[in-house]
């Protein structure tokens, strides 16, 4: 996964894969998703990214399978 930020347009591009884009769908006036021919998510574009996505704050956390299972059992 890659995240690119274009400061001149305040646009963030989140690339989930390198598959070809077959379709772009508008989620709302600031968010678009790109799908491949099978309907799988390829990328997401966020316009006005500082407002929409609380940039420049970004964090990544990997949750292990056992942790998710344990959390679900506690619910």
N, C-alpha and C. Protein backbone atom coordinates (compact mmCIF):
# COMPACT_ATOMS: atom_id res chain seq x y z
N UNK A 1 0.85 -1.17 0.00
CA UNK A 1 0.00 0.00 0.00
C UNK A 1 0.90 1.23 0.00
N UNK A 2 0.49 2.23 -0.76
CA UNK A 2 1.21 3.50 -0.84
C UNK A 2 0.24 4.64 -0.59
N UNK A 3 0.72 5.66 0.11
CA UNK A 3 -0.06 6.86 0.30
C UNK A 3 0.75 8.02 -0.25
N UNK A 4 0.14 8.76 -1.17
CA UNK A 4 0.80 9.92 -1.76
C UNK A 4 -0.03 11.15 -1.44
N UNK A 5 0.66 12.23 -1.05
CA UNK A 5 -0.03 13.48 -0.75
C UNK A 5 0.50 14.56 -1.67
N UNK A 6 -0.43 15.24 -2.35
CA UNK A 6 -0.10 16.32 -3.28
C UNK A 6 -0.50 17.63 -2.62
N UNK A 7 0.48 18.35 -2.06
CA UNK A 7 0.19 19.56 -1.29
C UNK A 7 -0.38 20.68 -2.16
N UNK A 8 -0.01 20.73 -3.44
CA UNK A 8 -0.51 21.82 -4.28
C UNK A 8 -2.01 21.74 -4.51
N UNK A 9 -2.58 20.54 -4.44
CA UNK A 9 -4.03 20.38 -4.61
C UNK A 9 -4.71 19.86 -3.34
N UNK A 10 -3.95 19.64 -2.27
CA UNK A 10 -4.45 19.08 -1.01
C UNK A 10 -5.23 17.79 -1.27
N UNK A 11 -4.58 16.90 -2.04
CA UNK A 11 -5.20 15.63 -2.43
C UNK A 11 -4.34 14.47 -1.94
N UNK A 12 -4.98 13.45 -1.37
CA UNK A 12 -4.28 12.24 -0.96
C UNK A 12 -4.73 11.10 -1.86
N UNK A 13 -3.77 10.29 -2.26
CA UNK A 13 -4.05 9.11 -3.07
C UNK A 13 -3.56 7.90 -2.29
N UNK A 14 -4.47 7.00 -1.96
CA UNK A 14 -4.13 5.77 -1.25
C UNK A 14 -4.22 4.64 -2.26
N UNK A 15 -3.08 4.04 -2.57
CA UNK A 15 -3.03 2.95 -3.54
C UNK A 15 -2.95 1.62 -2.79
N UNK A 16 -3.93 0.77 -3.01
CA UNK A 16 -3.99 -0.52 -2.34
C UNK A 16 -3.35 -1.64 -3.15
N UNK A 17 -3.34 -1.48 -4.46
CA UNK A 17 -2.71 -2.48 -5.33
C UNK A 17 -2.28 -1.81 -6.62
N UNK A 18 -1.57 -2.56 -7.44
CA UNK A 18 -1.12 -2.01 -8.72
C UNK A 18 -1.95 -2.56 -9.89
N UNK A 19 -3.11 -3.14 -9.60
CA UNK A 19 -3.99 -3.63 -10.65
C UNK A 19 -4.53 -2.46 -11.47
N UNK A 20 -4.91 -2.73 -12.70
CA UNK A 20 -5.47 -1.69 -13.56
C UNK A 20 -6.83 -1.23 -13.09
N UNK A 21 -7.11 0.04 -13.30
CA UNK A 21 -8.40 0.61 -12.90
C UNK A 21 -9.40 0.46 -14.04
N UNK A 22 -10.54 -0.14 -13.73
CA UNK A 22 -11.60 -0.32 -14.72
C UNK A 22 -12.73 0.68 -14.51
N UNK A 23 -12.89 1.16 -13.26
CA UNK A 23 -14.01 2.04 -12.95
C UNK A 23 -13.65 2.93 -11.76
N UNK A 24 -14.10 4.17 -11.80
CA UNK A 24 -13.98 5.09 -10.68
C UNK A 24 -15.37 5.44 -10.21
N UNK A 25 -15.60 5.32 -8.91
CA UNK A 25 -16.90 5.66 -8.33
C UNK A 25 -16.75 6.83 -7.37
N UNK A 26 -17.70 7.74 -7.41
CA UNK A 26 -17.72 8.88 -6.49
C UNK A 26 -18.47 8.45 -5.24
N UNK A 27 -17.79 8.53 -4.10
CA UNK A 27 -18.43 8.21 -2.82
C UNK A 27 -19.17 9.45 -2.31
N UNK A 28 -18.51 10.58 -2.38
CA UNK A 28 -19.12 11.88 -2.13
C UNK A 28 -18.31 12.90 -2.92
N UNK A 29 -18.56 14.17 -2.76
CA UNK A 29 -17.89 15.17 -3.60
C UNK A 29 -16.38 15.25 -3.37
N UNK A 30 -15.86 14.62 -2.34
CA UNK A 30 -14.43 14.68 -2.03
C UNK A 30 -13.72 13.34 -2.05
N UNK A 31 -14.44 12.25 -2.17
CA UNK A 31 -13.83 10.92 -2.09
C UNK A 31 -14.25 10.07 -3.28
N UNK A 32 -13.23 9.48 -3.92
CA UNK A 32 -13.45 8.61 -5.08
C UNK A 32 -12.71 7.31 -4.87
N UNK A 33 -13.29 6.21 -5.34
CA UNK A 33 -12.60 4.93 -5.27
C UNK A 33 -12.41 4.38 -6.68
N UNK A 34 -11.29 3.74 -6.89
CA UNK A 34 -10.98 3.09 -8.15
C UNK A 34 -11.09 1.58 -7.96
N UNK A 35 -11.78 0.92 -8.89
CA UNK A 35 -11.99 -0.52 -8.83
C UNK A 35 -11.39 -1.19 -10.05
N UNK A 36 -10.95 -2.45 -9.88
CA UNK A 36 -10.47 -3.20 -11.03
C UNK A 36 -11.65 -3.86 -11.74
N UNK A 37 -11.38 -4.65 -12.77
CA UNK A 37 -12.44 -5.27 -13.57
C UNK A 37 -13.31 -6.23 -12.75
N UNK A 38 -12.77 -6.76 -11.64
CA UNK A 38 -13.54 -7.67 -10.78
C UNK A 38 -14.26 -6.96 -9.64
N UNK A 39 -14.14 -5.64 -9.59
CA UNK A 39 -14.79 -4.88 -8.53
C UNK A 39 -13.97 -4.74 -7.27
N UNK A 40 -12.70 -5.14 -7.30
CA UNK A 40 -11.82 -5.02 -6.14
C UNK A 40 -11.25 -3.61 -6.03
N UNK A 41 -11.10 -3.14 -4.80
CA UNK A 41 -10.56 -1.80 -4.55
C UNK A 41 -9.11 -1.72 -4.98
N UNK A 42 -8.80 -0.71 -5.79
CA UNK A 42 -7.43 -0.47 -6.26
C UNK A 42 -6.85 0.75 -5.56
N UNK A 43 -7.64 1.84 -5.50
CA UNK A 43 -7.14 3.09 -4.91
C UNK A 43 -8.30 3.94 -4.43
N UNK A 44 -7.95 4.93 -3.58
CA UNK A 44 -8.93 5.90 -3.10
C UNK A 44 -8.30 7.28 -3.18
N UNK A 45 -9.03 8.23 -3.75
CA UNK A 45 -8.58 9.61 -3.83
C UNK A 45 -9.40 10.44 -2.86
N UNK A 46 -8.70 11.25 -2.06
CA UNK A 46 -9.36 12.11 -1.08
C UNK A 46 -8.98 13.55 -1.39
N UNK A 47 -9.96 14.32 -1.84
CA UNK A 47 -9.74 15.74 -2.09
C UNK A 47 -9.98 16.51 -0.80
N UNK A 48 -9.34 17.67 -0.66
CA UNK A 48 -9.39 18.46 0.58
C UNK A 48 -8.96 17.55 1.74
N UNK A 49 -7.87 16.86 1.53
CA UNK A 49 -7.42 15.79 2.42
C UNK A 49 -7.16 16.26 3.85
N UNK A 50 -6.64 17.44 4.03
CA UNK A 50 -6.37 17.90 5.40
C UNK A 50 -7.66 17.98 6.22
N UNK A 51 -8.75 18.38 5.60
CA UNK A 51 -10.06 18.42 6.30
C UNK A 51 -10.66 17.04 6.42
N UNK A 52 -10.66 16.28 5.34
CA UNK A 52 -11.36 15.00 5.27
C UNK A 52 -10.66 13.90 6.06
N UNK A 53 -9.33 13.91 6.09
CA UNK A 53 -8.60 12.77 6.63
C UNK A 53 -7.67 13.13 7.78
N UNK A 54 -7.79 14.30 8.34
CA UNK A 54 -6.96 14.74 9.47
C UNK A 54 -5.47 14.62 9.18
N UNK A 55 -5.08 14.94 7.95
CA UNK A 55 -3.65 14.94 7.62
C UNK A 55 -2.99 16.08 8.35
N UNK A 56 -1.77 16.05 8.74
CA UNK A 56 -0.73 15.10 8.38
C UNK A 56 -0.56 13.96 9.36
N UNK A 57 -1.55 13.68 10.20
CA UNK A 57 -1.43 12.61 11.18
C UNK A 57 -1.78 11.27 10.55
N UNK A 58 -0.87 10.33 10.62
CA UNK A 58 -1.06 9.02 10.02
C UNK A 58 -0.44 7.99 10.94
N UNK A 59 -1.17 6.92 11.18
CA UNK A 59 -0.60 5.83 11.97
C UNK A 59 -0.95 4.51 11.33
N UNK A 60 -0.16 3.52 11.63
CA UNK A 60 -0.36 2.17 11.09
C UNK A 60 -0.23 1.21 12.25
N UNK A 61 -1.18 0.29 12.37
CA UNK A 61 -1.13 -0.69 13.43
C UNK A 61 -1.54 -2.04 12.86
N UNK A 62 -0.70 -3.03 13.02
CA UNK A 62 -1.03 -4.37 12.56
C UNK A 62 -1.61 -5.14 13.74
N UNK A 63 -2.80 -5.70 13.54
CA UNK A 63 -3.48 -6.46 14.58
C UNK A 63 -3.33 -7.95 14.24
N UNK A 64 -2.78 -8.69 15.15
CA UNK A 64 -2.59 -10.13 14.94
C UNK A 64 -3.92 -10.86 15.04
N UNK A 65 -4.04 -11.95 14.34
CA UNK A 65 -5.28 -12.73 14.28
C UNK A 65 -5.79 -13.11 15.66
N UNK A 66 -4.93 -13.57 16.53
CA UNK A 66 -5.35 -13.96 17.87
C UNK A 66 -5.92 -12.80 18.66
N UNK A 67 -5.39 -11.60 18.46
CA UNK A 67 -5.88 -10.42 19.17
C UNK A 67 -7.29 -10.07 18.74
N UNK A 68 -7.58 -10.19 17.46
CA UNK A 68 -8.91 -9.89 16.95
C UNK A 68 -9.90 -10.91 17.49
N UNK A 69 -9.53 -12.18 17.44
CA UNK A 69 -10.40 -13.24 17.93
C UNK A 69 -10.71 -13.05 19.41
N UNK A 70 -9.70 -12.70 20.19
CA UNK A 70 -9.89 -12.49 21.63
C UNK A 70 -10.79 -11.28 21.87
N UNK A 71 -10.60 -10.20 21.12
CA UNK A 71 -11.44 -9.02 21.26
C UNK A 71 -12.90 -9.32 20.94
N UNK A 72 -13.12 -10.11 19.91
CA UNK A 72 -14.48 -10.48 19.54
C UNK A 72 -15.14 -11.36 20.60
N UNK A 73 -14.37 -12.23 21.25
CA UNK A 73 -14.92 -13.10 22.29
C UNK A 73 -15.33 -12.29 23.52
N UNK A 74 -14.65 -11.16 23.75
CA UNK A 74 -14.95 -10.34 24.91
C UNK A 74 -16.23 -9.53 24.73
N UNK A 75 -16.70 -9.41 23.51
CA UNK A 75 -17.90 -8.59 23.24
C UNK A 75 -19.15 -9.31 23.62
